[in-house]
Amino acid sequence: MPARKHSSTGRGAASRGRPSRKAPAKRPQRPSLLIATFCETAFIDDEKMLSIMRIVDQVNVHWRSLSRGPATTKQDLLAALQRGEIAMPPHPMRVVLRFQAAEVGGTYPLDLAFERPDGTVVTGPQASVSVQPFQASNAIAPTALSFRHEGRHWLRVSLDGQLVARVPLNVVFLEDEPQPEAATAAPRPRRRARATVSTTAAGTPRPAARGSRRSNR
């Protein structure tokens, strides 16, 4: 039985004629988030060093100062806040973010959103952050938040369309009023006895002796 001859125009030849597929280009790695926090004060000095003071992770609201009368309960106040009948004074804070890039830098869109305990999300203004290769970049965003709910809130940080961090912020409604600090009276300085000074004919001052009488010659 004669052996069959394989044609050279089979699948092997057809596959050799197709263009080879290129591997997808590797997308540059996004900058890493090093710091994400609330605070009261933050600044960058002349040496581009970041300083953060008084980090905030809990906000205490003294709700008695917002109540309509002594018969108002905390539940009534929270319901009025959620209905928009009472306006909560904004609480000023700062959001501090610090990113660090790898071998590739660039400019990336930055989105901040605030998530309430009931699941509603308040979106903030869009911004951008620029990072140089192997360097860090800081972002300080002043913010003023009005709270309508008690409990755990979240700051959602998204970089280049991807969620990179959720920063917790606890809000507690306290019933007691903040007690003012007791004012302490400053001690009065003791009065020093005044020394009587007379002047000689030559203009040199000399202390006058008390109780002495001038004799008339």
C-alpha atoms as a PDB file:
ATOM      1  CA  MET A   1       0.000   0.000   0.000  1.00  0.00           C
ATOM      2  CA  PRO A   2       1.641   3.249  -1.107  1.00  0.00           C
ATOM      3  CA  ALA A   3       2.392   5.821   1.576  1.00  0.00           C
ATOM      4  CA  ARG A   4       0.382   9.007   1.511  1.00  0.00           C
ATOM      5  CA  LYS A   5       2.156  12.208   0.712  1.00  0.00           C
ATOM      6  CA  HIS A   6       1.366  15.232   2.870  1.00  0.00           C
ATOM      7  CA  SER A   7       0.801  18.456   1.031  1.00  0.00           C
ATOM      8  CA  SER A   8       2.958  21.405   1.980  1.00  0.00           C
ATOM      9  CA  THR A   9      -0.059  23.705   1.648  1.00  0.00           C
ATOM     10  CA  GLY A  10      -1.695  22.472   4.900  1.00  0.00           C
ATOM     11  CA  ARG A  11      -2.303  24.209   8.164  1.00  0.00           C
ATOM     12  CA  GLY A  12       1.359  24.643   8.874  1.00  0.00           C
ATOM     13  CA  ALA A  13       1.889  26.727   5.767  1.00  0.00           C
ATOM     14  CA  ALA A  14      -1.280  28.716   6.437  1.00  0.00           C
ATOM     15  CA  SER A  15      -0.208  29.490   9.995  1.00  0.00           C
ATOM     16  CA  ARG A  16       3.204  30.587   8.785  1.00  0.00           C
ATOM     17  CA  GLY A  17       1.581  33.067   6.464  1.00  0.00           C
ATOM     18  CA  ARG A  18      -0.452  34.806   9.197  1.00  0.00           C
ATOM     19  CA  PRO A  19       0.985  37.869  10.907  1.00  0.00           C
ATOM     20  CA  SER A  20       2.180  37.173  14.452  1.00  0.00           C
ATOM     21  CA  ARG A  21       0.226  38.742  17.283  1.00  0.00           C
ATOM     22  CA  LYS A  22       2.090  41.266  19.393  1.00  0.00           C
ATOM     23  CA  ALA A  23       1.990  41.031  23.149  1.00  0.00           C
ATOM     24  CA  PRO A  24      -0.151  43.776  24.695  1.00  0.00           C
ATOM     25  CA  ALA A  25       1.836  46.716  25.933  1.00  0.00           C
ATOM     26  CA  LYS A  26       2.297  46.774  29.689  1.00  0.00           C
ATOM     27  CA  ARG A  27       0.360  49.601  31.249  1.00  0.00           C
ATOM     28  CA  PRO A  28       2.449  51.872  33.500  1.00  0.00           C
ATOM     29  CA  GLN A  29       1.904  51.259  37.180  1.00  0.00           C
ATOM     30  CA  ARG A  30      -0.156  53.881  38.972  1.00  0.00           C
ATOM     31  CA  PRO A  31       1.463  55.837  41.786  1.00  0.00           C
ATOM     32  CA  SER A  32       1.197  54.279  45.211  1.00  0.00           C
ATOM     33  CA  LEU A  33      -0.823  56.014  47.903  1.00  0.00           C
ATOM     34  CA  LEU A  34       1.323  56.543  50.990  1.00  0.00           C
ATOM     35  CA  ILE A  35      -0.835  58.829  53.158  1.00  0.00           C
ATOM     36  CA  ALA A  36      -4.575  59.554  53.212  1.00  0.00           C
ATOM     37  CA  THR A  37      -5.968  61.264  56.301  1.00  0.00           C
ATOM     38  CA  PHE A  38      -8.071  64.058  57.749  1.00  0.00           C
ATOM     39  CA  CYS A  39      -6.361  66.732  59.818  1.00  0.00           C
ATOM     40  CA  GLU A  40      -6.778  70.274  61.079  1.00  0.00           C
ATOM     41  CA  THR A  41      -3.538  71.769  59.757  1.00  0.00           C
ATOM     42  CA  ALA A  42      -1.101  70.755  57.036  1.00  0.00           C
ATOM     43  CA  PHE A  43       1.468  72.643  55.032  1.00  0.00           C
ATOM     44  CA  ILE A  44       4.503  72.195  52.795  1.00  0.00           C
ATOM     45  CA  ASP A  45       7.569  74.230  53.735  1.00  0.00           C
ATOM     46  CA  ASP A  46      10.240  75.776  51.534  1.00  0.00           C
ATOM     47  CA  GLU A  47      12.154  72.485  51.461  1.00  0.00           C
ATOM     48  CA  LYS A  48       9.023  70.732  50.117  1.00  0.00           C
ATOM     49  CA  MET A  49       8.640  68.791  53.356  1.00  0.00           C
ATOM     50  CA  LEU A  50       5.091  67.841  54.350  1.00  0.00           C
ATOM     51  CA  SER A  51       3.924  68.551  57.909  1.00  0.00           C
ATOM     52  CA  ILE A  52       0.615  67.224  59.283  1.00  0.00           C
ATOM     53  CA  MET A  53      -0.774  68.391  62.639  1.00  0.00           C
ATOM     54  CA  ARG A  54      -3.782  67.259  64.654  1.00  0.00           C
ATOM     55  CA  ILE A  55      -4.966  64.229  62.693  1.00  0.00           C
ATOM     56  CA  VAL A  56      -8.748  63.820  62.880  1.00  0.00           C
ATOM     57  CA  ASP A  57     -10.472  60.428  62.915  1.00  0.00           C
ATOM     58  CA  GLN A  58     -13.538  61.378  64.995  1.00  0.00           C
ATOM     59  CA  VAL A  59     -15.770  64.452  65.047  1.00  0.00           C
ATOM     60  CA  ASN A  60     -17.843  65.216  68.156  1.00  0.00           C
ATOM     61  CA  VAL A  61     -21.057  67.160  67.547  1.00  0.00           C
ATOM     62  CA  HIS A  62     -22.703  68.732  70.604  1.00  0.00           C
ATOM     63  CA  TRP A  63     -26.277  68.486  69.420  1.00  0.00           C
ATOM     64  CA  ARG A  64     -27.805  70.488  72.266  1.00  0.00           C
ATOM     65  CA  SER A  65     -26.507  73.652  70.648  1.00  0.00           C
ATOM     66  CA  LEU A  66     -28.552  72.800  67.527  1.00  0.00           C
ATOM     67  CA  SER A  67     -31.772  71.727  69.263  1.00  0.00           C
ATOM     68  CA  ARG A  68     -34.945  73.786  69.140  1.00  0.00           C
ATOM     69  CA  GLY A  69     -35.708  73.467  72.820  1.00  0.00           C
ATOM     70  CA  PRO A  70     -35.208  71.358  75.948  1.00  0.00           C
ATOM     71  CA  ALA A  71     -37.884  68.851  74.817  1.00  0.00           C
ATOM     72  CA  THR A  72     -36.009  67.991  71.603  1.00  0.00           C
ATOM     73  CA  THR A  73     -34.373  64.566  71.628  1.00  0.00           C
ATOM     74  CA  LYS A  74     -31.351  63.442  69.673  1.00  0.00           C
ATOM     75  CA  GLN A  75     -33.517  61.259  67.429  1.00  0.00           C
ATOM     76  CA  ASP A  76     -35.741  64.255  66.610  1.00  0.00           C
ATOM     77  CA  LEU A  77     -32.703  66.344  65.780  1.00  0.00           C
ATOM     78  CA  LEU A  78     -31.188  63.671  63.520  1.00  0.00           C
ATOM     79  CA  ALA A  79     -34.508  63.266  61.697  1.00  0.00           C
ATOM     80  CA  ALA A  80     -34.733  67.039  61.197  1.00  0.00           C
ATOM     81  CA  LEU A  81     -31.174  67.123  59.876  1.00  0.00           C
ATOM     82  CA  GLN A  82     -31.875  64.367  57.376  1.00  0.00           C
ATOM     83  CA  ARG A  83     -35.038  66.139  56.198  1.00  0.00           C
ATOM     84  CA  GLY A  84     -33.092  69.345  55.744  1.00  0.00           C
ATOM     85  CA  GLU A  85     -35.086  71.308  58.320  1.00  0.00           C
ATOM     86  CA  ILE A  86     -31.979  72.160  60.329  1.00  0.00           C
ATOM     87  CA  ALA A  87     -28.695  73.202  58.768  1.00  0.00           C
ATOM     88  CA  MET A  88     -25.600  71.728  60.356  1.00  0.00           C
ATOM     89  CA  PRO A  89     -22.692  74.197  60.552  1.00  0.00           C
ATOM     90  CA  PRO A  90     -19.828  72.930  58.369  1.00  0.00           C
ATOM     91  CA  HIS A  91     -16.842  71.412  60.101  1.00  0.00           C
ATOM     92  CA  PRO A  92     -13.624  72.694  58.485  1.00  0.00           C
ATOM     93  CA  MET A  93     -10.861  70.148  57.952  1.00  0.00           C
ATOM     94  CA  ARG A  94      -8.154  69.276  55.478  1.00  0.00           C
ATOM     95  CA  VAL A  95      -7.657  66.138  53.435  1.00  0.00           C
ATOM     96  CA  VAL A  96      -3.996  65.205  52.983  1.00  0.00           C
ATOM     97  CA  LEU A  97      -2.869  62.762  50.298  1.00  0.00           C
ATOM     98  CA  ARG A  98       0.656  61.669  49.430  1.00  0.00           C
ATOM     99  CA  PHE A  99       1.471  59.630  46.324  1.00  0.00           C
ATOM    100  CA  GLN A 100       4.726  58.110  45.126  1.00  0.00           C
ATOM    101  CA  ALA A 101       5.457  57.032  41.570  1.00  0.00           C
ATOM    102  CA  ALA A 102       7.560  54.129  40.359  1.00  0.00           C
ATOM    103  CA  GLU A 103       9.712  54.264  37.229  1.00  0.00           C
ATOM    104  CA  VAL A 104       7.037  56.114  35.254  1.00  0.00           C
ATOM    105  CA  GLY A 105       5.509  59.434  36.297  1.00  0.00           C
ATOM    106  CA  GLY A 106       2.698  61.447  34.827  1.00  0.00           C
ATOM    107  CA  THR A 107      -0.499  63.328  35.590  1.00  0.00           C
ATOM    108  CA  TYR A 108      -3.501  61.365  36.837  1.00  0.00           C
ATOM    109  CA  PRO A 109      -7.109  62.419  37.503  1.00  0.00           C
ATOM    110  CA  LEU A 110      -8.006  62.490  41.199  1.00  0.00           C
ATOM    111  CA  ASP A 111     -11.573  62.106  42.475  1.00  0.00           C
ATOM    112  CA  LEU A 112     -12.756  62.491  46.075  1.00  0.00           C
ATOM    113  CA  ALA A 113     -16.176  61.404  47.346  1.00  0.00           C
ATOM    114  CA  PHE A 114     -17.750  61.305  50.797  1.00  0.00           C
ATOM    115  CA  GLU A 115     -19.876  58.302  51.715  1.00  0.00           C
ATOM    116  CA  ARG A 116     -22.459  58.619  54.493  1.00  0.00           C
ATOM    117  CA  PRO A 117     -23.605  55.804  56.795  1.00  0.00           C
ATOM    118  CA  ASP A 118     -26.865  55.423  54.848  1.00  0.00           C
ATOM    119  CA  GLY A 119     -24.935  54.713  51.633  1.00  0.00           C
ATOM    120  CA  THR A 120     -25.450  58.062  49.912  1.00  0.00           C
ATOM    121  CA  VAL A 121     -22.359  59.477  48.260  1.00  0.00           C
ATOM    122  CA  VAL A 122     -21.496  63.163  47.931  1.00  0.00           C
ATOM    123  CA  THR A 123     -19.040  63.742  45.107  1.00  0.00           C
ATOM    124  CA  GLY A 124     -16.393  66.401  45.390  1.00  0.00           C
ATOM    125  CA  PRO A 125     -14.601  68.504  42.784  1.00  0.00           C
ATOM    126  CA  GLN A 126     -12.351  66.719  40.318  1.00  0.00           C
ATOM    127  CA  ALA A 127      -8.643  67.437  40.407  1.00  0.00           C
ATOM    128  CA  SER A 128      -5.377  65.975  39.156  1.00  0.00           C
ATOM    129  CA  VAL A 129      -2.067  64.995  40.677  1.00  0.00           C
ATOM    130  CA  SER A 130       1.319  65.092  38.925  1.00  0.00           C
ATOM    131  CA  VAL A 131       4.057  62.724  40.054  1.00  0.00           C
ATOM    132  CA  GLN A 132       7.666  62.526  38.880  1.00  0.00           C
ATOM    133  CA  PRO A 133       9.427  59.138  38.564  1.00  0.00           C
ATOM    134  CA  PHE A 134      10.625  57.783  41.918  1.00  0.00           C
ATOM    135  CA  GLN A 135       9.378  60.905  43.710  1.00  0.00           C
ATOM    136  CA  ALA A 136       6.470  61.755  45.978  1.00  0.00           C
ATOM    137  CA  SER A 137       3.734  64.295  45.402  1.00  0.00           C
ATOM    138  CA  ASN A 138       1.465  65.845  48.038  1.00  0.00           C
ATOM    139  CA  ALA A 139      -2.099  67.083  47.787  1.00  0.00           C
ATOM    140  CA  ILE A 140      -3.771  69.189  50.486  1.00  0.00           C
ATOM    141  CA  ALA A 141      -7.495  69.814  49.958  1.00  0.00           C
ATOM    142  CA  PRO A 142      -9.381  72.125  52.358  1.00  0.00           C
ATOM    143  CA  THR A 143     -12.896  70.857  52.980  1.00  0.00           C
ATOM    144  CA  ALA A 144     -15.919  71.740  55.130  1.00  0.00           C
ATOM    145  CA  LEU A 145     -18.266  68.834  55.862  1.00  0.00           C
ATOM    146  CA  SER A 146     -21.814  69.035  57.223  1.00  0.00           C
ATOM    147  CA  PHE A 147     -22.942  65.892  58.994  1.00  0.00           C
ATOM    148  CA  ARG A 148     -26.523  64.645  58.961  1.00  0.00           C
ATOM    149  CA  HIS A 149     -25.895  61.161  60.322  1.00  0.00           C
ATOM    150  CA  GLU A 150     -24.194  59.656  63.296  1.00  0.00           C
ATOM    151  CA  GLY A 151     -21.766  56.811  62.701  1.00  0.00           C
ATOM    152  CA  ARG A 152     -18.992  55.786  60.333  1.00  0.00           C
ATOM    153  CA  HIS A 153     -18.375  57.953  57.277  1.00  0.00           C
ATOM    154  CA  TRP A 154     -15.897  57.200  54.505  1.00  0.00           C
ATOM    155  CA  LEU A 155     -13.705  59.309  52.259  1.00  0.00           C
ATOM    156  CA  ARG A 156     -13.315  57.536  48.910  1.00  0.00           C
ATOM    157  CA  VAL A 157     -10.110  58.329  47.011  1.00  0.00           C
ATOM    158  CA  SER A 158      -9.981  57.359  43.324  1.00  0.00           C
ATOM    159  CA  LEU A 159      -6.926  57.790  41.125  1.00  0.00           C
ATOM    160  CA  ASP A 160      -7.210  57.389  37.357  1.00  0.00           C
ATOM    161  CA  GLY A 161     -10.704  55.972  37.749  1.00  0.00           C
ATOM    162  CA  GLN A 162      -9.695  53.294  40.282  1.00  0.00           C
ATOM    163  CA  LEU A 163     -10.562  53.303  43.983  1.00  0.00           C
ATOM    164  CA  VAL A 164      -7.280  53.345  45.906  1.00  0.00           C
ATOM    165  CA  ALA A 165      -8.374  54.118  49.493  1.00  0.00           C
ATOM    166  CA  ARG A 166     -11.319  54.471  51.870  1.00  0.00           C
ATOM    167  CA  VAL A 167     -10.540  56.658  54.881  1.00  0.00           C
ATOM    168  CA  PRO A 168     -12.893  56.239  57.888  1.00  0.00           C
ATOM    169  CA  LEU A 169     -14.275  59.186  59.861  1.00  0.00           C
ATOM    170  CA  ASN A 170     -16.449  58.556  62.902  1.00  0.00           C
ATOM    171  CA  VAL A 171     -19.139  61.117  63.843  1.00  0.00           C
ATOM    172  CA  VAL A 172     -20.578  61.114  67.379  1.00  0.00           C
ATOM    173  CA  PHE A 173     -23.471  63.293  68.582  1.00  0.00           C
ATOM    174  CA  LEU A 174     -22.863  64.209  72.219  1.00  0.00           C
ATOM    175  CA  GLU A 175     -25.520  65.556  74.556  1.00  0.00           C
ATOM    176  CA  ASP A 176     -23.363  67.519  76.927  1.00  0.00           C
ATOM    177  CA  GLU A 177     -22.195  70.988  76.050  1.00  0.00           C
ATOM    178  CA  PRO A 178     -18.472  71.742  75.809  1.00  0.00           C
ATOM    179  CA  GLN A 179     -17.376  73.235  79.111  1.00  0.00           C
ATOM    180  CA  PRO A 180     -15.482  76.523  78.797  1.00  0.00           C
ATOM    181  CA  GLU A 181     -12.105  76.608  80.405  1.00  0.00           C
ATOM    182  CA  ALA A 182     -12.015  78.338  83.769  1.00  0.00           C
ATOM    183  CA  ALA A 183     -10.523  81.771  83.472  1.00  0.00           C
ATOM    184  CA  THR A 184      -7.660  82.241  85.897  1.00  0.00           C
ATOM    185  CA  ALA A 185      -6.891  85.763  86.982  1.00  0.00           C
ATOM    186  CA  ALA A 186      -3.310  86.751  86.410  1.00  0.00           C
ATOM    187  CA  PRO A 187      -1.512  87.676  89.636  1.00  0.00           C
ATOM    188  CA  ARG A 188      -0.930  91.357  90.035  1.00  0.00           C
ATOM    189  CA  PRO A 189       2.706  92.392  90.123  1.00  0.00           C
ATOM    190  CA  ARG A 190       3.913  93.784  93.411  1.00  0.00           C
ATOM    191  CA  ARG A 191       4.519  97.471  93.527  1.00  0.00           C
ATOM    192  CA  ARG A 192       8.049  98.483  94.191  1.00  0.00           C
ATOM    193  CA  ALA A 193       8.810 101.342  96.530  1.00  0.00           C
ATOM    194  CA  ARG A 194       9.795 104.435  94.654  1.00  0.00           C
ATOM    195  CA  ALA A 195      13.093 105.916  95.572  1.00  0.00           C
ATOM    196  CA  THR A 196      13.239 109.713  95.789  1.00  0.00           C
ATOM    197  CA  VAL A 197      16.169 111.070  93.830  1.00  0.00           C
ATOM    198  CA  SER A 198      17.613 114.555  94.183  1.00  0.00           C
ATOM    199  CA  THR A 199      20.221 116.212  92.024  1.00  0.00           C
ATOM    200  CA  THR A 200      23.409 117.835  93.178  1.00  0.00           C
ATOM    201  CA  ALA A 201      24.745 121.019  91.733  1.00  0.00           C
ATOM    202  CA  ALA A 202      27.054 119.044  89.465  1.00  0.00           C
ATOM    203  CA  GLY A 203      24.077 117.163  88.041  1.00  0.00           C
ATOM    204  CA  THR A 204      24.928 113.835  89.663  1.00  0.00           C
ATOM    205  CA  PRO A 205      21.816 112.136  91.089  1.00  0.00           C
ATOM    206  CA  ARG A 206      21.935 111.061  94.681  1.00  0.00           C
ATOM    207  CA  PRO A 207      19.243 109.404  96.808  1.00  0.00           C
ATOM    208  CA  ALA A 208      17.625 111.742  99.284  1.00  0.00           C
ATOM    209  CA  ALA A 209      17.650 110.636 102.877  1.00  0.00           C
ATOM    210  CA  ARG A 210      14.201 110.274 104.300  1.00  0.00           C
ATOM    211  CA  GLY A 211      13.353 112.256 107.412  1.00  0.00           C
ATOM    212  CA  SER A 212      16.317 114.645 107.040  1.00  0.00           C
ATOM    213  CA  ARG A 213      15.759 118.372 107.402  1.00  0.00           C
ATOM    214  CA  ARG A 214      17.617 121.114 105.659  1.00  0.00           C
ATOM    215  CA  SER A 215      19.267 123.555 108.012  1.00  0.00           C
ATOM    216  CA  ASN A 216      19.121 127.234 107.162  1.00  0.00           C
ATOM    217  CA  ARG A 217      22.472 128.796 107.579  1.00  0.00           C
END
